[in-house]
C-alpha atoms as a PDB file:
ATOM      1  CA  UNK A   1     102.260 117.694  74.041  1.00  0.00           C
ATOM      2  CA  UNK A   2     101.254 120.372  76.516  1.00  0.00           C
ATOM      3  CA  UNK A   3     104.236 121.662  78.498  1.00  0.00           C
ATOM      4  CA  UNK A   4     103.921 122.687  82.136  1.00  0.00           C
ATOM      5  CA  UNK A   5     105.421 126.137  81.548  1.00  0.00           C
ATOM      6  CA  UNK A   6     102.981 126.762  78.696  1.00  0.00           C
ATOM      7  CA  UNK A   7     100.076 125.742  80.935  1.00  0.00           C
ATOM      8  CA  UNK A   8     101.247 128.177  83.622  1.00  0.00           C
ATOM      9  CA  UNK A   9     101.459 130.932  80.993  1.00  0.00           C
ATOM     10  CA  UNK A  10      98.028 130.007  79.655  1.00  0.00           C
ATOM     11  CA  UNK A  11      96.576 130.101  83.185  1.00  0.00           C
ATOM     12  CA  UNK A  12      98.037 133.536  83.875  1.00  0.00           C
ATOM     13  CA  UNK A  13      96.705 134.955  80.579  1.00  0.00           C
ATOM     14  CA  UNK A  14      93.275 133.550  81.429  1.00  0.00           C
ATOM     15  CA  UNK A  15      93.427 135.017  84.944  1.00  0.00           C
ATOM     16  CA  UNK A  16      94.579 138.496  83.879  1.00  0.00           C
ATOM     17  CA  UNK A  17      92.664 138.604  80.564  1.00  0.00           C
ATOM     18  CA  UNK A  18      95.648 140.152  78.831  1.00  0.00           C
ATOM     19  CA  UNK A  19      98.788 139.001  77.013  1.00  0.00           C
ATOM     20  CA  UNK A  20     100.531 142.203  78.122  1.00  0.00           C
ATOM     21  CA  UNK A  21      99.677 141.800  81.806  1.00  0.00           C
ATOM     22  CA  UNK A  22     100.759 138.147  81.786  1.00  0.00           C
ATOM     23  CA  UNK A  23     104.022 139.089  80.036  1.00  0.00           C
ATOM     24  CA  UNK A  24     104.840 141.715  82.669  1.00  0.00           C
ATOM     25  CA  UNK A  25     104.099 139.346  85.550  1.00  0.00           C
ATOM     26  CA  UNK A  26     106.093 136.415  84.155  1.00  0.00           C
ATOM     27  CA  UNK A  27     108.986 138.379  82.693  1.00  0.00           C
ATOM     28  CA  UNK A  28     108.237 137.803  78.979  1.00  0.00           C
ATOM     29  CA  UNK A  29     107.769 140.191  76.110  1.00  0.00           C
ATOM     30  CA  UNK A  30     104.243 140.594  74.789  1.00  0.00           C
ATOM     31  CA  UNK A  31     105.251 139.125  71.446  1.00  0.00           C
ATOM     32  CA  UNK A  32     106.784 136.049  73.154  1.00  0.00           C
ATOM     33  CA  UNK A  33     103.527 135.441  75.004  1.00  0.00           C
ATOM     34  CA  UNK A  34     101.562 135.749  71.739  1.00  0.00           C
ATOM     35  CA  UNK A  35     103.847 133.228  70.017  1.00  0.00           C
ATOM     36  CA  UNK A  36     103.663 130.687  72.851  1.00  0.00           C
ATOM     37  CA  UNK A  37      99.876 130.945  73.160  1.00  0.00           C
ATOM     38  CA  UNK A  38      99.559 130.496  69.383  1.00  0.00           C
ATOM     39  CA  UNK A  39     101.749 127.365  69.621  1.00  0.00           C
ATOM     40  CA  UNK A  40      99.631 126.097  72.512  1.00  0.00           C
ATOM     41  CA  UNK A  41      96.481 126.625  70.448  1.00  0.00           C
ATOM     42  CA  UNK A  42      97.967 124.568  67.639  1.00  0.00           C
ATOM     43  CA  UNK A  43      98.695 121.772  70.131  1.00  0.00           C
ATOM     44  CA  UNK A  44      95.163 122.063  71.492  1.00  0.00           C
ATOM     45  CA  UNK A  45      93.643 121.859  68.005  1.00  0.00           C
ATOM     46  CA  UNK A  46      91.936 125.271  67.925  1.00  0.00           C
ATOM     47  CA  UNK A  47      91.640 128.757  69.473  1.00  0.00           C
ATOM     48  CA  UNK A  48      91.675 129.063  73.267  1.00  0.00           C
ATOM     49  CA  UNK A  49      91.189 132.835  73.448  1.00  0.00           C
ATOM     50  CA  UNK A  50      89.068 135.362  71.644  1.00  0.00           C
ATOM     51  CA  UNK A  51      91.267 138.372  70.816  1.00  0.00           C
ATOM     52  CA  UNK A  52      89.440 141.590  71.665  1.00  0.00           C
ATOM     53  CA  UNK A  53      90.306 145.273  71.496  1.00  0.00           C
ATOM     54  CA  UNK A  54      91.066 145.305  75.211  1.00  0.00           C
ATOM     55  CA  UNK A  55      92.525 141.966  76.133  1.00  0.00           C
ATOM     56  CA  UNK A  56      91.361 138.402  75.559  1.00  0.00           C
ATOM     57  CA  UNK A  57      88.741 136.040  76.903  1.00  0.00           C
ATOM     58  CA  UNK A  58      88.508 132.265  76.944  1.00  0.00           C
ATOM     59  CA  UNK A  59      86.707 130.296  74.272  1.00  0.00           C
ATOM     60  CA  UNK A  60      84.657 127.204  75.313  1.00  0.00           C
ATOM     61  CA  UNK A  61      87.736 125.113  74.564  1.00  0.00           C
ATOM     62  CA  UNK A  62      89.805 127.535  76.626  1.00  0.00           C
ATOM     63  CA  UNK A  63      87.452 127.136  79.593  1.00  0.00           C
ATOM     64  CA  UNK A  64      87.755 123.357  79.343  1.00  0.00           C
ATOM     65  CA  UNK A  65      91.542 123.480  79.178  1.00  0.00           C
ATOM     66  CA  UNK A  66      91.780 125.901  82.083  1.00  0.00           C
ATOM     67  CA  UNK A  67      89.711 123.598  84.289  1.00  0.00           C
ATOM     68  CA  UNK A  68      92.175 120.801  83.656  1.00  0.00           C
ATOM     69  CA  UNK A  69      95.125 123.174  83.852  1.00  0.00           C
ATOM     70  CA  UNK A  70      94.152 124.311  87.345  1.00  0.00           C
ATOM     71  CA  UNK A  71      93.874 120.694  88.498  1.00  0.00           C
ATOM     72  CA  UNK A  72      97.253 119.793  86.972  1.00  0.00           C
ATOM     73  CA  UNK A  73      99.063 122.821  88.373  1.00  0.00           C
ATOM     74  CA  UNK A  74      97.548 122.300  91.805  1.00  0.00           C
ATOM     75  CA  UNK A  75      98.703 118.664  91.868  1.00  0.00           C
ATOM     76  CA  UNK A  76     102.177 119.686  90.711  1.00  0.00           C
ATOM     77  CA  UNK A  77     102.373 122.305  93.450  1.00  0.00           C
ATOM     78  CA  UNK A  78     101.261 119.715  95.998  1.00  0.00           C
ATOM     79  CA  UNK A  79     103.865 117.284  94.701  1.00  0.00           C
ATOM     80  CA  UNK A  80     106.560 119.917  95.031  1.00  0.00           C
ATOM     81  CA  UNK A  81     105.528 120.697  98.597  1.00  0.00           C
ATOM     82  CA  UNK A  82     105.429 117.001  99.515  1.00  0.00           C
ATOM     83  CA  UNK A  83     108.824 116.294  97.971  1.00  0.00           C
ATOM     84  CA  UNK A  84     110.322 119.279  99.784  1.00  0.00           C
ATOM     85  CA  UNK A  85     108.846 118.017 103.061  1.00  0.00           C
ATOM     86  CA  UNK A  86     110.207 114.500 102.467  1.00  0.00           C
ATOM     87  CA  UNK A  87     113.705 115.792 101.711  1.00  0.00           C
ATOM     88  CA  UNK A  88     113.521 118.025 104.786  1.00  0.00           C
ATOM     89  CA  UNK A  89     112.317 115.112 106.934  1.00  0.00           C
ATOM     90  CA  UNK A  90     109.033 116.774 107.876  1.00  0.00           C
ATOM     91  CA  UNK A  91     106.568 115.059 105.561  1.00  0.00           C
ATOM     92  CA  UNK A  92     105.823 112.019 103.475  1.00  0.00           C
ATOM     93  CA  UNK A  93     105.736 108.482 104.833  1.00  0.00           C
ATOM     94  CA  UNK A  94     108.073 106.533 107.096  1.00  0.00           C
ATOM     95  CA  UNK A  95     107.842 102.736 106.850  1.00  0.00           C
ATOM     96  CA  UNK A  96     109.259 101.079 109.954  1.00  0.00           C
ATOM     97  CA  UNK A  97     109.847  97.364 110.474  1.00  0.00           C
ATOM     98  CA  UNK A  98     110.717  95.711 113.792  1.00  0.00           C
ATOM     99  CA  UNK A  99     110.950  92.285 115.370  1.00  0.00           C
ATOM    100  CA  UNK A 100     108.282  91.456 117.948  1.00  0.00           C
ATOM    101  CA  UNK A 101     110.058  92.135 121.245  1.00  0.00           C
ATOM    102  CA  UNK A 102     111.401  95.477 119.995  1.00  0.00           C
ATOM    103  CA  UNK A 103     107.726  96.491 119.745  1.00  0.00           C
ATOM    104  CA  UNK A 104     107.171  95.990 123.475  1.00  0.00           C
ATOM    105  CA  UNK A 105     108.870  99.227 124.514  1.00  0.00           C
ATOM    106  CA  UNK A 106     111.786 100.372 122.345  1.00  0.00           C
ATOM    107  CA  UNK A 107     109.986 101.091 119.066  1.00  0.00           C
ATOM    108  CA  UNK A 108     106.759 102.509 120.601  1.00  0.00           C
ATOM    109  CA  UNK A 109     108.756 104.909 122.789  1.00  0.00           C
ATOM    110  CA  UNK A 110     110.829 106.137 119.848  1.00  0.00           C
ATOM    111  CA  UNK A 111     107.818 106.371 117.528  1.00  0.00           C
ATOM    112  CA  UNK A 112     105.844 108.315 120.117  1.00  0.00           C
ATOM    113  CA  UNK A 113     108.561 110.947 120.298  1.00  0.00           C
ATOM    114  CA  UNK A 114     109.006 110.927 116.526  1.00  0.00           C
ATOM    115  CA  UNK A 115     105.285 111.457 115.883  1.00  0.00           C
ATOM    116  CA  UNK A 116     105.178 114.354 118.350  1.00  0.00           C
ATOM    117  CA  UNK A 117     108.131 116.051 116.656  1.00  0.00           C
ATOM    118  CA  UNK A 118     107.067 115.223 113.071  1.00  0.00           C
ATOM    119  CA  UNK A 119     103.270 115.380 112.840  1.00  0.00           C
ATOM    120  CA  UNK A 120     103.432 115.719 109.050  1.00  0.00           C
ATOM    121  CA  UNK A 121     105.066 112.308 108.575  1.00  0.00           C
ATOM    122  CA  UNK A 122     102.743 109.318 108.153  1.00  0.00           C
ATOM    123  CA  UNK A 123     104.165 106.277 109.959  1.00  0.00           C
ATOM    124  CA  UNK A 124     103.553 102.705 108.798  1.00  0.00           C
ATOM    125  CA  UNK A 125     104.687  99.771 110.979  1.00  0.00           C
ATOM    126  CA  UNK A 126     105.441  96.184 109.981  1.00  0.00           C
ATOM    127  CA  UNK A 127     106.358  93.380 112.386  1.00  0.00           C
ATOM    128  CA  UNK A 128     108.343  90.309 111.415  1.00  0.00           C
ATOM    129  CA  UNK A 129     111.434  88.197 111.879  1.00  0.00           C
ATOM    130  CA  UNK A 130     114.730  89.951 111.272  1.00  0.00           C
ATOM    131  CA  UNK A 131     115.672  88.077 108.050  1.00  0.00           C
ATOM    132  CA  UNK A 132     112.322  88.962 106.473  1.00  0.00           C
ATOM    133  CA  UNK A 133     112.626  92.583 107.585  1.00  0.00           C
ATOM    134  CA  UNK A 134     116.041  92.763 105.926  1.00  0.00           C
ATOM    135  CA  UNK A 135     114.555  91.372 102.703  1.00  0.00           C
ATOM    136  CA  UNK A 136     111.838  94.019 102.751  1.00  0.00           C
ATOM    137  CA  UNK A 137     114.369  96.770 103.458  1.00  0.00           C
ATOM    138  CA  UNK A 138     116.514  95.648 100.505  1.00  0.00           C
ATOM    139  CA  UNK A 139     113.412  95.486  98.290  1.00  0.00           C
ATOM    140  CA  UNK A 140     112.574  99.111  99.104  1.00  0.00           C
ATOM    141  CA  UNK A 141     109.456  98.192 101.088  1.00  0.00           C
ATOM    142  CA  UNK A 142     110.797  99.607 104.377  1.00  0.00           C
ATOM    143  CA  UNK A 143     112.701 102.798 105.203  1.00  0.00           C
ATOM    144  CA  UNK A 144     114.222 101.539 108.465  1.00  0.00           C
ATOM    145  CA  UNK A 145     114.183  98.188 110.264  1.00  0.00           C
ATOM    146  CA  UNK A 146     114.970  97.235 113.859  1.00  0.00           C
ATOM    147  CA  UNK A 147     116.650  93.839 113.639  1.00  0.00           C
ATOM    148  CA  UNK A 148     118.737  91.478 115.756  1.00  0.00           C
ATOM    149  CA  UNK A 149     121.815  89.474 114.834  1.00  0.00           C
ATOM    150  CA  UNK A 150     120.108  86.259 115.953  1.00  0.00           C
ATOM    151  CA  UNK A 151     119.828  83.802 114.358  1.00  0.00           C
ATOM    152  CA  UNK A 152     120.905  84.897 110.876  1.00  0.00           C
ATOM    153  CA  UNK A 153     123.582  87.485 111.647  1.00  0.00           C
ATOM    154  CA  UNK A 154     123.664  90.935 110.063  1.00  0.00           C
ATOM    155  CA  UNK A 155     122.916  91.700 106.411  1.00  0.00           C
ATOM    156  CA  UNK A 156     125.594  92.673 103.943  1.00  0.00           C
ATOM    157  CA  UNK A 157     125.401  96.145 102.425  1.00  0.00           C
ATOM    158  CA  UNK A 158     123.357  99.088 103.606  1.00  0.00           C
ATOM    159  CA  UNK A 159     123.962 100.508 107.055  1.00  0.00           C
ATOM    160  CA  UNK A 160     123.435  99.016 110.512  1.00  0.00           C
ATOM    161  CA  UNK A 161     123.476 101.144 113.642  1.00  0.00           C
ATOM    162  CA  UNK A 162     124.110  99.253 116.915  1.00  0.00           C
ATOM    163  CA  UNK A 163     121.440  99.990 119.499  1.00  0.00           C
ATOM    164  CA  UNK A 164     122.139  97.630 122.377  1.00  0.00           C
ATOM    165  CA  UNK A 165     122.555  94.157 123.767  1.00  0.00           C
ATOM    166  CA  UNK A 166     119.500  92.093 124.634  1.00  0.00           C
ATOM    167  CA  UNK A 167     120.306  89.648 127.437  1.00  0.00           C
ATOM    168  CA  UNK A 168     118.225  86.535 127.742  1.00  0.00           C
ATOM    169  CA  UNK A 169     116.444  86.084 131.059  1.00  0.00           C
ATOM    170  CA  UNK A 170     114.783  82.931 132.297  1.00  0.00           C
ATOM    171  CA  UNK A 171     111.017  83.101 132.827  1.00  0.00           C
ATOM    172  CA  UNK A 172     109.834  80.978 135.761  1.00  0.00           C
ATOM    173  CA  UNK A 173     106.423  80.404 137.340  1.00  0.00           C
ATOM    174  CA  UNK A 174     106.149  82.655 140.393  1.00  0.00           C
ATOM    175  CA  UNK A 175     105.995  79.598 142.660  1.00  0.00           C
ATOM    176  CA  UNK A 176     109.125  77.983 141.225  1.00  0.00           C
ATOM    177  CA  UNK A 177     111.808  77.049 143.802  1.00  0.00           C
ATOM    178  CA  UNK A 178     114.374  79.206 141.968  1.00  0.00           C
ATOM    179  CA  UNK A 179     112.093  82.265 141.612  1.00  0.00           C
ATOM    180  CA  UNK A 180     113.365  83.801 144.861  1.00  0.00           C
ATOM    181  CA  UNK A 181     117.002  83.838 143.737  1.00  0.00           C
ATOM    182  CA  UNK A 182     118.678  86.981 142.453  1.00  0.00           C
ATOM    183  CA  UNK A 183     120.179  85.027 139.548  1.00  0.00           C
ATOM    184  CA  UNK A 184     119.935  81.483 138.268  1.00  0.00           C
ATOM    185  CA  UNK A 185     122.540  79.014 137.091  1.00  0.00           C
ATOM    186  CA  UNK A 186     121.422  77.528 133.820  1.00  0.00           C
ATOM    187  CA  UNK A 187     122.681  74.132 134.995  1.00  0.00           C
ATOM    188  CA  UNK A 188     120.079  74.193 137.778  1.00  0.00           C
ATOM    189  CA  UNK A 189     117.387  74.082 135.061  1.00  0.00           C
ATOM    190  CA  UNK A 190     118.601  70.900 133.369  1.00  0.00           C
ATOM    191  CA  UNK A 191     115.503  68.971 134.494  1.00  0.00           C
ATOM    192  CA  UNK A 192     113.032  71.611 133.385  1.00  0.00           C
ATOM    193  CA  UNK A 193     110.721  71.421 130.379  1.00  0.00           C
ATOM    194  CA  UNK A 194     111.525  74.254 127.984  1.00  0.00           C
ATOM    195  CA  UNK A 195     108.929  76.127 125.958  1.00  0.00           C
ATOM    196  CA  UNK A 196     110.500  76.975 122.618  1.00  0.00           C
ATOM    197  CA  UNK A 197     109.459  77.986 119.106  1.00  0.00           C
ATOM    198  CA  UNK A 198     112.455  77.427 116.813  1.00  0.00           C
ATOM    199  CA  UNK A 199     112.259  74.527 114.328  1.00  0.00           C
ATOM    200  CA  UNK A 200     113.694  71.291 115.671  1.00  0.00           C
ATOM    201  CA  UNK A 201     117.336  70.785 114.782  1.00  0.00           C
ATOM    202  CA  UNK A 202     118.013  74.498 114.243  1.00  0.00           C
ATOM    203  CA  UNK A 203     120.697  75.967 116.545  1.00  0.00           C
ATOM    204  CA  UNK A 204     119.302  78.406 119.099  1.00  0.00           C
ATOM    205  CA  UNK A 205     120.735  80.524 121.885  1.00  0.00           C
ATOM    206  CA  UNK A 206     119.031  78.143 124.320  1.00  0.00           C
ATOM    207  CA  UNK A 207     120.686  75.048 122.822  1.00  0.00           C
ATOM    208  CA  UNK A 208     124.075  76.791 122.637  1.00  0.00           C
ATOM    209  CA  UNK A 209     123.856  78.072 126.215  1.00  0.00           C
ATOM    210  CA  UNK A 210     122.696  74.728 127.598  1.00  0.00           C
ATOM    211  CA  UNK A 211     125.516  72.962 125.774  1.00  0.00           C
ATOM    212  CA  UNK A 212     127.974  75.295 127.478  1.00  0.00           C
ATOM    213  CA  UNK A 213     126.300  74.392 130.803  1.00  0.00           C
ATOM    214  CA  UNK A 214     126.723  70.680 130.043  1.00  0.00           C
ATOM    215  CA  UNK A 215     123.230  69.496 129.129  1.00  0.00           C
ATOM    216  CA  UNK A 216     120.666  69.297 126.343  1.00  0.00           C
ATOM    217  CA  UNK A 217     117.405  71.166 127.060  1.00  0.00           C
ATOM    218  CA  UNK A 218     114.320  69.008 127.301  1.00  0.00           C
ATOM    219  CA  UNK A 219     111.752  70.225 124.780  1.00  0.00           C
ATOM    220  CA  UNK A 220     108.113  70.673 125.579  1.00  0.00           C
ATOM    221  CA  UNK A 221     105.321  72.767 124.142  1.00  0.00           C
ATOM    222  CA  UNK A 222     106.167  74.758 121.029  1.00  0.00           C
ATOM    223  CA  UNK A 223     104.806  78.302 121.245  1.00  0.00           C
ATOM    224  CA  UNK A 224     105.847  81.106 118.897  1.00  0.00           C
ATOM    225  CA  UNK A 225     104.423  84.292 120.452  1.00  0.00           C
ATOM    226  CA  UNK A 226     105.979  85.745 123.589  1.00  0.00           C
ATOM    227  CA  UNK A 227     102.582  86.457 125.138  1.00  0.00           C
ATOM    228  CA  UNK A 228     101.675  82.805 124.657  1.00  0.00           C
ATOM    229  CA  UNK A 229     104.928  81.605 126.192  1.00  0.00           C
ATOM    230  CA  UNK A 230     104.262  83.711 129.266  1.00  0.00           C
ATOM    231  CA  UNK A 231     100.841  82.134 129.664  1.00  0.00           C
ATOM    232  CA  UNK A 232     102.227  78.590 129.580  1.00  0.00           C
ATOM    233  CA  UNK A 233     104.994  79.488 132.032  1.00  0.00           C
ATOM    234  CA  UNK A 234     102.469  81.079 134.405  1.00  0.00           C
ATOM    235  CA  UNK A 235     100.462  77.838 134.245  1.00  0.00           C
ATOM    236  CA  UNK A 236     103.507  75.881 135.395  1.00  0.00           C
ATOM    237  CA  UNK A 237     103.934  73.994 132.108  1.00  0.00           C
ATOM    238  CA  UNK A 238     107.573  74.882 131.606  1.00  0.00           C
ATOM    239  CA  UNK A 239     110.188  77.615 131.587  1.00  0.00           C
ATOM    240  CA  UNK A 240     111.556  79.687 128.738  1.00  0.00           C
ATOM    241  CA  UNK A 241     114.199  82.246 127.871  1.00  0.00           C
ATOM    242  CA  UNK A 242     112.912  85.783 127.399  1.00  0.00           C
ATOM    243  CA  UNK A 243     114.728  88.690 125.699  1.00  0.00           C
ATOM    244  CA  UNK A 244     115.198  91.545 128.119  1.00  0.00           C
ATOM    245  CA  UNK A 245     113.438  93.845 125.641  1.00  0.00           C
ATOM    246  CA  UNK A 246     110.210  91.978 126.448  1.00  0.00           C
ATOM    247  CA  UNK A 247     110.548  92.310 130.233  1.00  0.00           C
ATOM    248  CA  UNK A 248     107.830  94.950 130.575  1.00  0.00           C
ATOM    249  CA  UNK A 249     105.285  92.637 128.974  1.00  0.00           C
ATOM    250  CA  UNK A 250     105.607  89.919 131.629  1.00  0.00           C
ATOM    251  CA  UNK A 251     102.227  89.196 133.279  1.00  0.00           C
ATOM    252  CA  UNK A 252     101.439  88.265 136.851  1.00  0.00           C
ATOM    253  CA  UNK A 253     102.400  84.724 137.736  1.00  0.00           C
ATOM    254  CA  UNK A 254     105.737  84.899 135.876  1.00  0.00           C
ATOM    255  CA  UNK A 255     109.094  85.859 137.375  1.00  0.00           C
ATOM    256  CA  UNK A 256     112.130  86.855 135.302  1.00  0.00           C
ATOM    257  CA  UNK A 257     115.583  86.127 136.635  1.00  0.00           C
ATOM    258  CA  UNK A 258     118.985  86.824 135.055  1.00  0.00           C
ATOM    259  CA  UNK A 259     121.280  83.941 134.250  1.00  0.00           C
ATOM    260  CA  UNK A 260     124.682  83.764 135.836  1.00  0.00           C
ATOM    261  CA  UNK A 261     127.456  84.047 133.255  1.00  0.00           C
ATOM    262  CA  UNK A 262     128.623  80.872 131.572  1.00  0.00           C
ATOM    263  CA  UNK A 263     132.363  81.418 131.791  1.00  0.00           C
ATOM    264  CA  UNK A 264     132.641  85.062 130.768  1.00  0.00           C
ATOM    265  CA  UNK A 265     129.452  85.311 128.719  1.00  0.00           C
ATOM    266  CA  UNK A 266     125.741  85.660 129.341  1.00  0.00           C
ATOM    267  CA  UNK A 267     123.392  84.386 126.587  1.00  0.00           C
ATOM    268  CA  UNK A 268     122.476  87.484 124.608  1.00  0.00           C
ATOM    269  CA  UNK A 269     121.807  88.899 121.168  1.00  0.00           C
ATOM    270  CA  UNK A 270     122.530  92.352 119.809  1.00  0.00           C
ATOM    271  CA  UNK A 271     120.018  94.515 118.012  1.00  0.00           C
ATOM    272  CA  UNK A 272     120.419  97.228 115.433  1.00  0.00           C
ATOM    273  CA  UNK A 273     118.682  99.770 113.255  1.00  0.00           C
ATOM    274  CA  UNK A 274     119.166  98.901 109.582  1.00  0.00           C
ATOM    275  CA  UNK A 275     118.958 101.560 106.871  1.00  0.00           C
ATOM    276  CA  UNK A 276     119.153 101.477 103.069  1.00  0.00           C
ATOM    277  CA  UNK A 277     122.101 102.968 101.236  1.00  0.00           C
ATOM    278  CA  UNK A 278     120.274 106.294 100.739  1.00  0.00           C
ATOM    279  CA  UNK A 279     118.194 106.751 103.901  1.00  0.00           C
ATOM    280  CA  UNK A 280     115.406 109.294 104.185  1.00  0.00           C
ATOM    281  CA  UNK A 281     115.987 112.205 106.569  1.00  0.00           C
ATOM    282  CA  UNK A 282     112.915 111.017 108.503  1.00  0.00           C
ATOM    283  CA  UNK A 283     114.498 107.566 108.889  1.00  0.00           C
ATOM    284  CA  UNK A 284     117.712 109.110 110.195  1.00  0.00           C
ATOM    285  CA  UNK A 285     115.753 111.203 112.679  1.00  0.00           C
ATOM    286  CA  UNK A 286     113.885 108.104 113.866  1.00  0.00           C
ATOM    287  CA  UNK A 287     117.136 106.193 114.356  1.00  0.00           C
ATOM    288  CA  UNK A 288     118.442 109.104 116.446  1.00  0.00           C
ATOM    289  CA  UNK A 289     115.425 108.626 118.706  1.00  0.00           C
ATOM    290  CA  UNK A 290     115.931 104.852 118.839  1.00  0.00           C
ATOM    291  CA  UNK A 291     119.476 105.523 120.036  1.00  0.00           C
ATOM    292  CA  UNK A 292     118.254 107.939 122.691  1.00  0.00           C
ATOM    293  CA  UNK A 293     115.589 105.545 123.977  1.00  0.00           C
ATOM    294  CA  UNK A 294     118.057 102.648 124.021  1.00  0.00           C
ATOM    295  CA  UNK A 295     120.652 104.691 125.906  1.00  0.00           C
ATOM    296  CA  UNK A 296     118.138 105.556 128.640  1.00  0.00           C
ATOM    297  CA  UNK A 297     117.221 101.931 129.299  1.00  0.00           C
ATOM    298  CA  UNK A 298     119.488 100.498 131.935  1.00  0.00           C
ATOM    299  CA  UNK A 299     119.823  97.109 130.269  1.00  0.00           C
ATOM    300  CA  UNK A 300     121.272  98.543 127.060  1.00  0.00           C
ATOM    301  CA  UNK A 301     124.583 100.084 126.147  1.00  0.00           C
ATOM    302  CA  UNK A 302     125.188 103.804 125.837  1.00  0.00           C
ATOM    303  CA  UNK A 303     124.218 105.212 122.479  1.00  0.00           C
ATOM    304  CA  UNK A 304     125.686 108.390 121.004  1.00  0.00           C
ATOM    305  CA  UNK A 305     123.268 109.923 118.511  1.00  0.00           C
ATOM    306  CA  UNK A 306     123.976 111.981 115.429  1.00  0.00           C
ATOM    307  CA  UNK A 307     121.366 114.116 113.700  1.00  0.00           C
ATOM    308  CA  UNK A 308     120.891 113.891 109.914  1.00  0.00           C
ATOM    309  CA  UNK A 309     122.448 117.339 109.521  1.00  0.00           C
ATOM    310  CA  UNK A 310     125.487 116.742 111.683  1.00  0.00           C
ATOM    311  CA  UNK A 311     125.958 113.279 110.193  1.00  0.00           C
ATOM    312  CA  UNK A 312     125.977 114.699 106.685  1.00  0.00           C
ATOM    313  CA  UNK A 313     123.324 112.246 105.584  1.00  0.00           C
ATOM    314  CA  UNK A 314     125.100 109.262 107.147  1.00  0.00           C
ATOM    315  CA  UNK A 315     123.445 106.959 109.667  1.00  0.00           C
ATOM    316  CA  UNK A 316     123.738 107.884 113.337  1.00  0.00           C
ATOM    317  CA  UNK A 317     126.713 106.364 115.147  1.00  0.00           C
ATOM    318  CA  UNK A 318     125.807 104.488 118.328  1.00  0.00           C
ATOM    319  CA  UNK A 319     128.477 103.024 120.518  1.00  0.00           C
ATOM    320  CA  UNK A 320     127.362 100.327 122.904  1.00  0.00           C
END
């Protein structure tokens, strides 16, 4: 088999046209170069150089091998540069997963800053439900995932970095009698038709919150996408709960109002950045930016970031 070091030696002899010159450049003796080229010729099945009084020149077989050698060495050099960039956080690919409402503002804002600071990193984005994102992260298909603890809780293993709390707001048609209030009691919505998407019989934050308020929500149209829910609310066909992360996507004709606490709690979920056990430096840098963006949004808790260097390769620590 042809060894990489022998190919580099072969390429240098071909470039300089001399065993002696190649030996001086690479730190070998002239006899060592002669022995290694002879061994390479045996591997190649015949002579690669014509020995002349003043140096050497390639045979037809030597020309063929050098063409392939240059391609191989160039690819190896490129691989080395790419690996160095990945380990430094400035190159390679970053595969990001996020649940839908995190893609309204949080993830785009962080990715915009990340792309500006790391133009050599190719970003891939996947959207999905948190349990599926966790599966893909554990399978090595994602480098970082923005997930919530609802409805499945947090995954075991790996690292999760708390980013903030996502309160649930009630979306009302702009002409609704309660739309002018600063906040709404959930009990005042007991007669409303609710637009929901979760499978029937599965516990939801809506069902749990309404139970605490003393009623069972009346189901209506089943719509999965937030943009679709907004459209049905605007048309006066029902009301729905909206994560605060999606507030900026609310169209005209829909009013969002906070819910008054039920006892000491307001219906909410928490969201996190999830990382594999050995996160990429680029993933750590992106989570730093997620923390910064989350901390600057008034509805979220304060986030203290930690760079990959200062964290010693550990995930950033965000305190909400």
